[in-house]
PDB file of N, CA and C in Angstrom:
ATOM      1  N   MET A   1       7.726  13.871  40.264  1.00  0.00           N
ATOM      2  CA  MET A   1       8.317  14.911  39.729  1.00  0.00           C
ATOM      3  C   MET A   1       7.178  15.917  38.990  1.00  0.00           C
ATOM      4  N   ILE A   2       7.088  17.080  39.002  1.00  0.00           N
ATOM      5  CA  ILE A   2       5.896  17.898  38.001  1.00  0.00           C
ATOM      6  C   ILE A   2       6.795  18.524  37.136  1.00  0.00           C
ATOM      7  N   ASP A   3       6.133  17.949  36.041  1.00  0.00           N
ATOM      8  CA  ASP A   3       6.364  18.480  34.530  1.00  0.00           C
ATOM      9  C   ASP A   3       5.549  19.727  34.133  1.00  0.00           C
ATOM     10  N   ASN A   4       6.543  20.882  34.254  1.00  0.00           N
ATOM     11  CA  ASN A   4       5.580  22.170  33.654  1.00  0.00           C
ATOM     12  C   ASN A   4       5.964  22.534  32.099  1.00  0.00           C
ATOM     13  N   SER A   5       6.438  21.641  31.375  1.00  0.00           N
ATOM     14  CA  SER A   5       6.813  21.994  30.114  1.00  0.00           C
ATOM     15  C   SER A   5       5.399  22.018  29.195  1.00  0.00           C
ATOM     16  N   ASN A   6       5.329  22.800  28.420  1.00  0.00           N
ATOM     17  CA  ASN A   6       4.377  23.066  27.518  1.00  0.00           C
ATOM     18  C   ASN A   6       4.153  21.835  26.440  1.00  0.00           C
ATOM     19  N   LYS A   7       3.563  21.275  26.459  1.00  0.00           N
ATOM     20  CA  LYS A   7       3.129  19.945  25.586  1.00  0.00           C
ATOM     21  C   LYS A   7       2.716  20.491  23.911  1.00  0.00           C
ATOM     22  N   SER A   8       2.169  21.837  24.150  1.00  0.00           N
ATOM     23  CA  SER A   8       1.587  22.092  22.740  1.00  0.00           C
ATOM     24  C   SER A   8       2.700  22.768  21.925  1.00  0.00           C
ATOM     25  N   LYS A   9       3.893  22.811  22.368  1.00  0.00           N
ATOM     26  CA  LYS A   9       4.785  23.182  21.517  1.00  0.00           C
ATOM     27  C   LYS A   9       5.774  22.291  20.738  1.00  0.00           C
ATOM     28  N   GLY A  10       6.073  22.351  19.558  1.00  0.00           N
ATOM     29  CA  GLY A  10       6.467  21.463  18.843  1.00  0.00           C
ATOM     30  C   GLY A  10       8.207  21.942  18.857  1.00  0.00           C
ATOM     31  N   VAL A  11       8.817  21.427  17.783  1.00  0.00           N
ATOM     32  CA  VAL A  11      10.603  21.515  17.603  1.00  0.00           C
ATOM     33  C   VAL A  11      10.554  23.027  17.412  1.00  0.00           C
ATOM     34  N   GLU A  12      11.534  23.617  18.187  1.00  0.00           N
ATOM     35  CA  GLU A  12      11.781  25.123  18.177  1.00  0.00           C
ATOM     36  C   GLU A  12      10.955  26.144  18.339  1.00  0.00           C
ATOM     37  N   GLY A  13       9.710  25.496  19.260  1.00  0.00           N
ATOM     38  CA  GLY A  13       8.823  26.388  19.643  1.00  0.00           C
ATOM     39  C   GLY A  13       7.442  26.665  18.792  1.00  0.00           C
ATOM     40  N   SER A  14       7.445  25.823  17.709  1.00  0.00           N
ATOM     41  CA  SER A  14       6.367  26.095  16.734  1.00  0.00           C
ATOM     42  C   SER A  14       5.120  25.389  17.458  1.00  0.00           C
ATOM     43  N   GLN A  15       3.815  25.972  17.035  1.00  0.00           N
ATOM     44  CA  GLN A  15       3.044  25.362  17.717  1.00  0.00           C
ATOM     45  C   GLN A  15       1.863  24.202  17.197  1.00  0.00           C
ATOM     46  N   PHE A  16       1.775  23.287  17.769  1.00  0.00           N
ATOM     47  CA  PHE A  16       1.167  22.148  16.787  1.00  0.00           C
ATOM     48  C   PHE A  16      -0.436  22.331  16.680  1.00  0.00           C
ATOM     49  N   VAL A  17      -0.994  21.986  15.420  1.00  0.00           N
ATOM     50  CA  VAL A  17      -2.336  22.018  15.307  1.00  0.00           C
ATOM     51  C   VAL A  17      -2.965  21.366  15.905  1.00  0.00           C
ATOM     52  N   LEU A  18      -3.907  21.149  16.748  1.00  0.00           N
ATOM     53  CA  LEU A  18      -4.800  20.275  17.595  1.00  0.00           C
ATOM     54  C   LEU A  18      -5.796  19.353  16.576  1.00  0.00           C
ATOM     55  N   ASN A  19      -6.277  18.342  16.713  1.00  0.00           N
ATOM     56  CA  ASN A  19      -6.960  17.261  16.086  1.00  0.00           C
ATOM     57  C   ASN A  19      -6.616  17.512  14.531  1.00  0.00           C
ATOM     58  N   SER A  20      -5.267  17.491  14.437  1.00  0.00           N
ATOM     59  CA  SER A  20      -5.200  17.339  12.818  1.00  0.00           C
ATOM     60  C   SER A  20      -4.130  16.247  12.636  1.00  0.00           C
ATOM     61  N   SER A  21      -4.064  15.628  11.501  1.00  0.00           N
ATOM     62  CA  SER A  21      -3.358  14.479  11.294  1.00  0.00           C
ATOM     63  C   SER A  21      -2.466  14.541   9.836  1.00  0.00           C
ATOM     64  N   ASN A  22      -1.155  14.485   9.859  1.00  0.00           N
ATOM     65  CA  ASN A  22      -0.346  14.341   8.931  1.00  0.00           C
ATOM     66  C   ASN A  22      -0.305  13.157   8.141  1.00  0.00           C
ATOM     67  N   SER A  23      -1.057  12.020   8.467  1.00  0.00           N
ATOM     68  CA  SER A  23      -0.821  10.889   8.003  1.00  0.00           C
ATOM     69  C   SER A  23      -1.468  10.931   6.320  1.00  0.00           C
ATOM     70  N   PRO A  24      -1.135  10.072   5.643  1.00  0.00           N
ATOM     71  CA  PRO A  24      -1.444  10.135   4.030  1.00  0.00           C
ATOM     72  C   PRO A  24      -2.884   9.306   4.278  1.00  0.00           C
ATOM     73  N   TYR A  25      -3.168   8.635   5.188  1.00  0.00           N
ATOM     74  CA  TYR A  25      -4.528   7.758   5.037  1.00  0.00           C
ATOM     75  C   TYR A  25      -5.896   8.479   5.674  1.00  0.00           C
ATOM     76  N   SER A  26      -5.299   9.783   6.325  1.00  0.00           N
ATOM     77  CA  SER A  26      -6.476  10.280   6.992  1.00  0.00           C
ATOM     78  C   SER A  26      -7.241  11.289   5.758  1.00  0.00           C
ATOM     79  N   ASN A  27      -6.588  11.752   4.571  1.00  0.00           N
ATOM     80  CA  ASN A  27      -7.501  12.330   3.509  1.00  0.00           C
ATOM     81  C   ASN A  27      -8.344  11.396   2.966  1.00  0.00           C
ATOM     82  N   LYS A  28      -9.461  11.310   3.073  1.00  0.00           N
ATOM     83  CA  LYS A  28     -10.312  10.327   2.504  1.00  0.00           C
ATOM     84  C   LYS A  28     -10.642  11.157   0.944  1.00  0.00           C
ATOM     85  N   SER A  29     -10.197  12.111   0.285  1.00  0.00           N
ATOM     86  CA  SER A  29     -10.646  12.597  -0.807  1.00  0.00           C
ATOM     87  C   SER A  29      -9.406  12.457  -2.068  1.00  0.00           C
ATOM     88  N   GLN A  30      -8.638  11.608  -1.354  1.00  0.00           N
ATOM     89  CA  GLN A  30      -7.570  11.131  -2.456  1.00  0.00           C
ATOM     90  C   GLN A  30      -8.212  10.310  -3.558  1.00  0.00           C
ATOM     91  N   PRO A  31      -8.095  10.005  -4.371  1.00  0.00           N
ATOM     92  CA  PRO A  31      -8.527   9.160  -5.659  1.00  0.00           C
ATOM     93  C   PRO A  31      -7.936   7.975  -5.295  1.00  0.00           C
ATOM     94  N   LEU A  32      -8.639   6.672  -5.882  1.00  0.00           N
ATOM     95  CA  LEU A  32      -8.095   5.563  -5.392  1.00  0.00           C
ATOM     96  C   LEU A  32      -6.609   5.174  -5.910  1.00  0.00           C
ATOM     97  N   VAL A  33      -7.004   5.509  -7.625  1.00  0.00           N
ATOM     98  CA  VAL A  33      -5.740   5.413  -8.208  1.00  0.00           C
ATOM     99  C   VAL A  33      -5.068   6.930  -8.662  1.00  0.00           C
ATOM    100  N   GLY A  34      -3.949   6.971  -7.965  1.00  0.00           N
ATOM    101  CA  GLY A  34      -3.473   8.254  -7.860  1.00  0.00           C
ATOM    102  C   GLY A  34      -2.480   8.775  -8.936  1.00  0.00           C
ATOM    103  N   SER A  35      -1.888   7.554  -9.607  1.00  0.00           N
ATOM    104  CA  SER A  35      -1.112   7.710 -10.781  1.00  0.00           C
ATOM    105  C   SER A  35      -0.999   6.547 -11.801  1.00  0.00           C
ATOM    106  N   VAL A  36      -0.404   6.616 -12.843  1.00  0.00           N
ATOM    107  CA  VAL A  36      -0.249   5.894 -14.011  1.00  0.00           C
ATOM    108  C   VAL A  36       0.604   4.516 -13.275  1.00  0.00           C
ATOM    109  N   GLU A  37       1.366   4.805 -12.580  1.00  0.00           N
ATOM    110  CA  GLU A  37       2.273   3.661 -11.920  1.00  0.00           C
ATOM    111  C   GLU A  37       1.425   2.665 -10.943  1.00  0.00           C
ATOM    112  N   ALA A  38       0.709   3.388  -9.977  1.00  0.00           N
ATOM    113  CA  ALA A  38      -0.525   2.598  -9.301  1.00  0.00           C
ATOM    114  C   ALA A  38      -1.564   1.936 -10.317  1.00  0.00           C
ATOM    115  N   LEU A  39      -2.146   2.685 -11.206  1.00  0.00           N
ATOM    116  CA  LEU A  39      -3.149   1.939 -12.016  1.00  0.00           C
ATOM    117  C   LEU A  39      -2.328   0.694 -12.635  1.00  0.00           C
ATOM    118  N   VAL A  40      -1.227   0.829 -13.258  1.00  0.00           N
ATOM    119  CA  VAL A  40      -0.324  -0.361 -13.830  1.00  0.00           C
ATOM    120  C   VAL A  40      -0.088  -1.475 -12.489  1.00  0.00           C
ATOM    121  N   SER A  41       0.100  -1.031 -11.592  1.00  0.00           N
ATOM    122  CA  SER A  41       0.267  -2.286 -10.539  1.00  0.00           C
ATOM    123  C   SER A  41      -1.059  -2.818 -10.265  1.00  0.00           C
ATOM    124  N   TYR A  42      -2.056  -2.139  -9.907  1.00  0.00           N
ATOM    125  CA  TYR A  42      -3.367  -2.690  -9.601  1.00  0.00           C
ATOM    126  C   TYR A  42      -3.912  -3.507 -11.000  1.00  0.00           C
ATOM    127  N   VAL A  43      -3.560  -3.212 -12.075  1.00  0.00           N
ATOM    128  CA  VAL A  43      -3.910  -4.116 -13.377  1.00  0.00           C
ATOM    129  C   VAL A  43      -3.111  -5.339 -13.191  1.00  0.00           C
ATOM    130  N   ALA A  44      -1.615  -5.292 -12.891  1.00  0.00           N
ATOM    131  CA  ALA A  44      -0.619  -6.480 -12.731  1.00  0.00           C
ATOM    132  C   ALA A  44      -1.091  -7.291 -11.517  1.00  0.00           C
ATOM    133  N   ALA A  45      -1.599  -6.577 -10.621  1.00  0.00           N
ATOM    134  CA  ALA A  45      -2.071  -7.322  -9.358  1.00  0.00           C
ATOM    135  C   ALA A  45      -3.439  -8.618  -9.790  1.00  0.00           C
ATOM    136  N   ALA A  46      -4.033  -7.563 -10.446  1.00  0.00           N
ATOM    137  CA  ALA A  46      -5.747  -8.417 -10.719  1.00  0.00           C
ATOM    138  C   ALA A  46      -4.903  -9.472 -11.534  1.00  0.00           C
ATOM    139  N   LEU A  47      -4.395  -9.218 -12.664  1.00  0.00           N
ATOM    140  CA  LEU A  47      -4.035 -10.335 -13.895  1.00  0.00           C
ATOM    141  C   LEU A  47      -3.235 -11.514 -13.038  1.00  0.00           C
ATOM    142  N   GLN A  48      -2.156 -10.733 -11.989  1.00  0.00           N
ATOM    143  CA  GLN A  48      -1.736 -12.244 -11.078  1.00  0.00           C
ATOM    144  C   GLN A  48      -2.882 -13.056 -10.564  1.00  0.00           C
ATOM    145  N   ILE A  49      -3.630 -12.491 -10.044  1.00  0.00           N
ATOM    146  CA  ILE A  49      -4.596 -13.058  -9.097  1.00  0.00           C
ATOM    147  C   ILE A  49      -5.595 -14.021 -10.031  1.00  0.00           C
ATOM    148  N   VAL A  50      -5.681 -13.315 -11.080  1.00  0.00           N
ATOM    149  CA  VAL A  50      -6.774 -14.297 -12.400  1.00  0.00           C
ATOM    150  C   VAL A  50      -5.966 -15.471 -12.873  1.00  0.00           C
ATOM    151  N   THR A  51      -4.538 -15.290 -13.099  1.00  0.00           N
ATOM    152  CA  THR A  51      -4.188 -16.423 -13.781  1.00  0.00           C
ATOM    153  C   THR A  51      -3.643 -17.274 -12.140  1.00  0.00           C
ATOM    154  N   GLY A  52      -3.548 -16.795 -11.287  1.00  0.00           N
ATOM    155  CA  GLY A  52      -3.257 -17.777 -10.260  1.00  0.00           C
ATOM    156  C   GLY A  52      -4.422 -18.608  -9.974  1.00  0.00           C
ATOM    157  N   MET A  53      -5.629 -18.134  -9.849  1.00  0.00           N
ATOM    158  CA  MET A  53      -6.859 -18.816  -9.595  1.00  0.00           C
ATOM    159  C   MET A  53      -7.000 -19.660 -10.852  1.00  0.00           C
ATOM    160  N   THR A  54      -6.772 -19.086 -12.367  1.00  0.00           N
ATOM    161  CA  THR A  54      -7.212 -20.089 -13.084  1.00  0.00           C
ATOM    162  C   THR A  54      -6.049 -21.269 -13.094  1.00  0.00           C
ATOM    163  N   LEU A  55      -5.119 -21.128 -12.965  1.00  0.00           N
ATOM    164  CA  LEU A  55      -4.033 -22.381 -12.804  1.00  0.00           C
ATOM    165  C   LEU A  55      -4.603 -23.447 -11.943  1.00  0.00           C
ATOM    166  N   ILE A  56      -4.951 -22.743 -10.861  1.00  0.00           N
ATOM    167  CA  ILE A  56      -5.413 -23.746  -9.608  1.00  0.00           C
ATOM    168  C   ILE A  56      -6.421 -24.663 -10.131  1.00  0.00           C
ATOM    169  N   VAL A  57      -7.715 -23.774 -10.671  1.00  0.00           N
ATOM    170  CA  VAL A  57      -9.103 -24.694 -10.963  1.00  0.00           C
ATOM    171  C   VAL A  57      -8.848 -25.491 -12.134  1.00  0.00           C
ATOM    172  N   ILE A  58      -7.856 -25.174 -12.994  1.00  0.00           N
ATOM    173  CA  ILE A  58      -7.655 -26.177 -14.150  1.00  0.00           C
ATOM    174  C   ILE A  58      -6.952 -27.249 -13.446  1.00  0.00           C
ATOM    175  N   SER A  59      -5.993 -27.108 -12.768  1.00  0.00           N
ATOM    176  CA  SER A  59      -5.453 -28.214 -11.629  1.00  0.00           C
ATOM    177  C   SER A  59      -6.212 -29.156 -11.348  1.00  0.00           C
ATOM    178  N   ILE A  60      -7.205 -28.655 -10.418  1.00  0.00           N
ATOM    179  CA  ILE A  60      -8.141 -29.328  -9.540  1.00  0.00           C
ATOM    180  C   ILE A  60      -9.210 -30.192 -10.384  1.00  0.00           C
ATOM    181  N   LEU A  61      -9.628 -29.607 -11.306  1.00  0.00           N
ATOM    182  CA  LEU A  61     -10.700 -30.370 -12.247  1.00  0.00           C
ATOM    183  C   LEU A  61      -9.917 -31.192 -12.990  1.00  0.00           C
ATOM    184  N   GLY A  62      -8.795 -31.416 -13.157  1.00  0.00           N
ATOM    185  CA  GLY A  62      -7.755 -32.441 -13.673  1.00  0.00           C
ATOM    186  C   GLY A  62      -7.801 -32.085 -15.341  1.00  0.00           C
ATOM    187  N   MET A  63      -7.734 -31.145 -15.684  1.00  0.00           N
ATOM    188  CA  MET A  63      -7.782 -31.106 -17.321  1.00  0.00           C
ATOM    189  C   MET A  63      -6.424 -31.205 -17.578  1.00  0.00           C
ATOM    190  N   ILE A  64      -5.260 -31.252 -16.924  1.00  0.00           N
ATOM    191  CA  ILE A  64      -3.980 -31.680 -17.251  1.00  0.00           C
ATOM    192  C   ILE A  64      -3.789 -32.989 -16.918  1.00  0.00           C
ATOM    193  N   ALA A  65      -3.126 -33.561 -17.954  1.00  0.00           N
ATOM    194  CA  ALA A  65      -3.166 -35.198 -17.933  1.00  0.00           C
ATOM    195  C   ALA A  65      -1.882 -35.769 -16.927  1.00  0.00           C
ATOM    196  N   PRO A  66      -0.718 -35.544 -16.815  1.00  0.00           N
ATOM    197  CA  PRO A  66       0.061 -35.962 -15.843  1.00  0.00           C
ATOM    198  C   PRO A  66       0.139 -35.099 -14.476  1.00  0.00           C
ATOM    199  N   MET A  67      -0.201 -36.098 -13.576  1.00  0.00           N
ATOM    200  CA  MET A  67      -0.667 -35.426 -12.290  1.00  0.00           C
ATOM    201  C   MET A  67       0.687 -34.807 -11.787  1.00  0.00           C
ATOM    202  N   TRP A  68       1.605 -35.057 -11.940  1.00  0.00           N
ATOM    203  CA  TRP A  68       2.910 -34.367 -11.608  1.00  0.00           C
ATOM    204  C   TRP A  68       2.894 -32.662 -12.037  1.00  0.00           C
ATOM    205  N   PHE A  69       2.677 -32.777 -13.530  1.00  0.00           N
ATOM    206  CA  PHE A  69       2.733 -31.336 -14.085  1.00  0.00           C
ATOM    207  C   PHE A  69       1.652 -30.419 -13.740  1.00  0.00           C
ATOM    208  N   SER A  70       0.362 -31.332 -13.166  1.00  0.00           N
ATOM    209  CA  SER A  70      -0.799 -30.596 -12.647  1.00  0.00           C
ATOM    210  C   SER A  70      -0.474 -30.053 -11.475  1.00  0.00           C
ATOM    211  N   ALA A  71       0.427 -30.903 -10.474  1.00  0.00           N
ATOM    212  CA  ALA A  71       0.885 -30.398  -9.014  1.00  0.00           C
ATOM    213  C   ALA A  71       1.500 -29.024  -9.060  1.00  0.00           C
ATOM    214  N   ILE A  72       2.921 -29.256 -10.018  1.00  0.00           N
ATOM    215  CA  ILE A  72       3.475 -28.078 -10.292  1.00  0.00           C
ATOM    216  C   ILE A  72       2.807 -26.890 -10.952  1.00  0.00           C
ATOM    217  N   LEU A  73       1.763 -26.951 -11.722  1.00  0.00           N
ATOM    218  CA  LEU A  73       0.991 -25.804 -12.187  1.00  0.00           C
ATOM    219  C   LEU A  73       0.268 -25.005 -11.107  1.00  0.00           C
ATOM    220  N   SER A  74      -0.376 -26.251 -10.338  1.00  0.00           N
ATOM    221  CA  SER A  74      -1.478 -25.702  -8.862  1.00  0.00           C
ATOM    222  C   SER A  74      -0.410 -25.119  -8.245  1.00  0.00           C
ATOM    223  N   ILE A  75       0.785 -25.376  -7.676  1.00  0.00           N
ATOM    224  CA  ILE A  75       1.619 -24.602  -6.765  1.00  0.00           C
ATOM    225  C   ILE A  75       2.367 -23.169  -7.703  1.00  0.00           C
ATOM    226  N   ALA A  76       2.401 -23.398  -9.067  1.00  0.00           N
ATOM    227  CA  ALA A  76       2.900 -21.943  -9.419  1.00  0.00           C
ATOM    228  C   ALA A  76       1.398 -21.057  -9.444  1.00  0.00           C
ATOM    229  N   GLY A  77       0.525 -21.565  -9.757  1.00  0.00           N
ATOM    230  CA  GLY A  77      -0.805 -20.774  -9.473  1.00  0.00           C
ATOM    231  C   GLY A  77      -1.139 -20.109  -8.186  1.00  0.00           C
ATOM    232  N   SER A  78      -0.651 -21.133  -7.272  1.00  0.00           N
ATOM    233  CA  SER A  78      -0.645 -20.510  -5.571  1.00  0.00           C
ATOM    234  C   SER A  78       0.150 -19.476  -5.496  1.00  0.00           C
ATOM    235  N   VAL A  79       1.467 -19.344  -6.044  1.00  0.00           N
ATOM    236  CA  VAL A  79       2.409 -18.704  -5.992  1.00  0.00           C
ATOM    237  C   VAL A  79       2.124 -17.316  -6.500  1.00  0.00           C
ATOM    238  N   SER A  80       1.684 -17.478  -7.662  1.00  0.00           N
ATOM    239  CA  SER A  80       1.084 -16.329  -8.482  1.00  0.00           C
ATOM    240  C   SER A  80      -0.081 -15.289  -7.607  1.00  0.00           C
ATOM    241  N   CYS A  81      -0.965 -16.419  -7.236  1.00  0.00           N
ATOM    242  CA  CYS A  81      -2.007 -15.577  -6.222  1.00  0.00           C
ATOM    243  C   CYS A  81      -1.869 -15.123  -5.344  1.00  0.00           C
ATOM    244  N   MET A  82      -0.681 -15.355  -4.388  1.00  0.00           N
ATOM    245  CA  MET A  82      -0.215 -15.039  -3.246  1.00  0.00           C
ATOM    246  C   MET A  82       0.448 -13.301  -3.780  1.00  0.00           C
ATOM    247  N   THR A  83       1.426 -13.779  -4.690  1.00  0.00           N
ATOM    248  CA  THR A  83       2.067 -12.326  -5.209  1.00  0.00           C
ATOM    249  C   THR A  83       1.034 -11.274  -5.410  1.00  0.00           C
ATOM    250  N   GLY A  84       0.165 -11.664  -6.418  1.00  0.00           N
ATOM    251  CA  GLY A  84      -0.945 -10.595  -6.778  1.00  0.00           C
ATOM    252  C   GLY A  84      -1.481  -9.909  -5.408  1.00  0.00           C
ATOM    253  N   VAL A  85      -2.066 -10.885  -4.454  1.00  0.00           N
ATOM    254  CA  VAL A  85      -2.414 -10.354  -3.453  1.00  0.00           C
ATOM    255  C   VAL A  85      -1.427  -9.132  -2.790  1.00  0.00           C
ATOM    256  N   PHE A  86      -0.373  -9.565  -2.729  1.00  0.00           N
ATOM    257  CA  PHE A  86       0.726  -8.685  -2.035  1.00  0.00           C
ATOM    258  C   PHE A  86       0.809  -7.673  -2.540  1.00  0.00           C
ATOM    259  N   LEU A  87       0.846  -7.608  -4.030  1.00  0.00           N
ATOM    260  CA  LEU A  87       1.103  -6.614  -4.966  1.00  0.00           C
ATOM    261  C   LEU A  87      -0.091  -5.498  -4.703  1.00  0.00           C
ATOM    262  N   LEU A  88      -1.276  -5.955  -4.541  1.00  0.00           N
ATOM    263  CA  LEU A  88      -2.237  -5.422  -4.527  1.00  0.00           C
ATOM    264  C   LEU A  88      -2.360  -4.565  -2.824  1.00  0.00           C
ATOM    265  N   TYR A  89      -1.881  -5.245  -2.139  1.00  0.00           N
ATOM    266  CA  TYR A  89      -1.891  -4.557  -0.925  1.00  0.00           C
ATOM    267  C   TYR A  89      -0.483  -3.717  -0.358  1.00  0.00           C
ATOM    268  N   PHE A  90       0.449  -3.951  -1.215  1.00  0.00           N
ATOM    269  CA  PHE A  90       1.639  -2.940  -1.305  1.00  0.00           C
ATOM    270  C   PHE A  90       1.524  -2.000  -1.994  1.00  0.00           C
ATOM    271  N   THR A  91       0.962  -1.921  -3.250  1.00  0.00           N
ATOM    272  CA  THR A  91       0.267  -0.724  -3.840  1.00  0.00           C
ATOM    273  C   THR A  91      -0.603   0.176  -3.254  1.00  0.00           C
ATOM    274  N   SER A  92      -1.601  -0.380  -2.648  1.00  0.00           N
ATOM    275  CA  SER A  92      -2.576   0.444  -1.581  1.00  0.00           C
ATOM    276  C   SER A  92      -2.310   0.867  -0.774  1.00  0.00           C
ATOM    277  N   ALA A  93      -1.279   0.223   0.072  1.00  0.00           N
ATOM    278  CA  ALA A  93      -0.873   0.928   1.495  1.00  0.00           C
ATOM    279  C   ALA A  93       0.212   1.786   1.259  1.00  0.00           C
ATOM    280  N   ASN A  94       0.995   2.018  -0.084  1.00  0.00           N
ATOM    281  CA  ASN A  94       2.046   2.778  -0.058  1.00  0.00           C
ATOM    282  C   ASN A  94       1.529   4.301  -1.182  1.00  0.00           C
ATOM    283  N   LYS A  95       0.279   4.190  -1.194  1.00  0.00           N
ATOM    284  CA  LYS A  95      -0.284   5.211  -2.090  1.00  0.00           C
ATOM    285  C   LYS A  95      -0.366   6.390  -1.313  1.00  0.00           C
ATOM    286  N   GLY A  96       0.377   7.257  -1.959  1.00  0.00           N
ATOM    287  CA  GLY A  96       0.395   8.609  -1.511  1.00  0.00           C
ATOM    288  C   GLY A  96       1.521   8.801  -0.027  1.00  0.00           C
ATOM    289  N   SER A  97       2.380   7.727  -0.003  1.00  0.00           N
ATOM    290  CA  SER A  97       3.442   7.939   1.254  1.00  0.00           C
ATOM    291  C   SER A  97       4.427   8.808   0.692  1.00  0.00           C
ATOM    292  N   ILE A  98       4.744   8.827  -0.350  1.00  0.00           N
ATOM    293  CA  ILE A  98       5.665   9.753  -0.719  1.00  0.00           C
ATOM    294  C   ILE A  98       5.210  11.401  -0.653  1.00  0.00           C
ATOM    295  N   ASP A  99       3.908  11.584  -1.278  1.00  0.00           N
ATOM    296  CA  ASP A  99       3.264  12.947  -1.031  1.00  0.00           C
ATOM    297  C   ASP A  99       3.233  13.366   0.292  1.00  0.00           C
ATOM    298  N   GLY A 100       2.676  12.321   1.038  1.00  0.00           N
ATOM    299  CA  GLY A 100       2.716  12.886   2.567  1.00  0.00           C
ATOM    300  C   GLY A 100       3.952  13.331   3.250  1.00  0.00           C
ATOM    301  N   LEU A 101       5.235  12.579   2.822  1.00  0.00           N
ATOM    302  CA  LEU A 101       6.255  12.759   3.481  1.00  0.00           C
ATOM    303  C   LEU A 101       6.958  14.036   3.090  1.00  0.00           C
ATOM    304  N   ILE A 102       6.692  14.208   1.734  1.00  0.00           N
ATOM    305  CA  ILE A 102       7.244  15.701   0.936  1.00  0.00           C
ATOM    306  C   ILE A 102       6.166  16.839   1.663  1.00  0.00           C
ATOM    307  N   ASN A 103       5.039  16.480   1.887  1.00  0.00           N
ATOM    308  CA  ASN A 103       4.330  17.678   2.412  1.00  0.00           C
ATOM    309  C   ASN A 103       4.825  17.700   4.010  1.00  0.00           C
ATOM    310  N   GLN A 104       5.117  16.836   4.609  1.00  0.00           N
ATOM    311  CA  GLN A 104       5.494  16.850   6.037  1.00  0.00           C
ATOM    312  C   GLN A 104       6.548  17.413   6.167  1.00  0.00           C
ATOM    313  N   ALA A 105       7.538  17.487   5.286  1.00  0.00           N
ATOM    314  CA  ALA A 105       8.919  17.923   5.274  1.00  0.00           C
ATOM    315  C   ALA A 105       8.722  19.795   5.022  1.00  0.00           C
ATOM    316  N   ILE A 106       7.688  19.753   4.161  1.00  0.00           N
ATOM    317  CA  ILE A 106       7.360  21.165   3.574  1.00  0.00           C
ATOM    318  C   ILE A 106       6.820  22.023   4.869  1.00  0.00           C
ATOM    319  N   ARG A 107       6.159  21.288   5.557  1.00  0.00           N
ATOM    320  CA  ARG A 107       5.363  21.637   6.800  1.00  0.00           C
ATOM    321  C   ARG A 107       6.320  22.464   7.679  1.00  0.00           C
ATOM    322  N   ARG A 108       7.587  21.416   8.073  1.00  0.00           N
ATOM    323  CA  ARG A 108       8.493  21.307   8.993  1.00  0.00           C
ATOM    324  C   ARG A 108       9.346  22.795   8.856  1.00  0.00           C
ATOM    325  N   VAL A 109       9.547  22.652   7.414  1.00  0.00           N
ATOM    326  CA  VAL A 109      10.354  23.880   7.019  1.00  0.00           C
ATOM    327  C   VAL A 109       9.599  25.267   7.197  1.00  0.00           C
ATOM    328  N   ILE A 110       8.549  25.225   7.005  1.00  0.00           N
ATOM    329  CA  ILE A 110       7.744  26.690   7.019  1.00  0.00           C
ATOM    330  C   ILE A 110       7.656  26.826   8.495  1.00  0.00           C
ATOM    331  N   ASN A 111       7.132  25.813   9.457  1.00  0.00           N
ATOM    332  CA  ASN A 111       6.971  26.138  10.978  1.00  0.00           C
ATOM    333  C   ASN A 111       8.549  26.547  11.510  1.00  0.00           C
ATOM    334  N   SER A 112       9.822  26.082  11.020  1.00  0.00           N
ATOM    335  CA  SER A 112      10.836  26.433  11.339  1.00  0.00           C
ATOM    336  C   SER A 112      11.476  27.900  11.073  1.00  0.00           C
ATOM    337  N   GLN A 113      10.769  28.360   9.691  1.00  0.00           N
ATOM    338  CA  GLN A 113      11.045  29.400   9.383  1.00  0.00           C
ATOM    339  C   GLN A 113      10.244  30.639  10.122  1.00  0.00           C
ATOM    340  N   ASN A 114       9.182  29.929  10.855  1.00  0.00           N
ATOM    341  CA  ASN A 114       8.436  31.169  11.346  1.00  0.00           C
ATOM    342  C   ASN A 114       8.858  31.443  12.798  1.00  0.00           C
TER     343      ASN A 114
END
């Protein structure tokens, strides 16, 4: 079957811009911390990681006398550290995703009006 459709046409006949990306991760000029909420998330993630690692080190060094309490604190430190790493990843992965969605919606509206 021969496809004679014009692949450069978008929805309702609007033209696609070649070699451009609407991805929020393609713009490298965005700052690392875009807002106060992101800064708070980065600080919280760093504190969770440091707290978790501190609990693990204290437990491994045997500074806590009862072994069962040391094991519980070691598990709590591991969970805290994993949560901090997940929060750090989640914050940096979602940075600018709302702005990207809004910009894409505005571009679609403008293109459909033309």
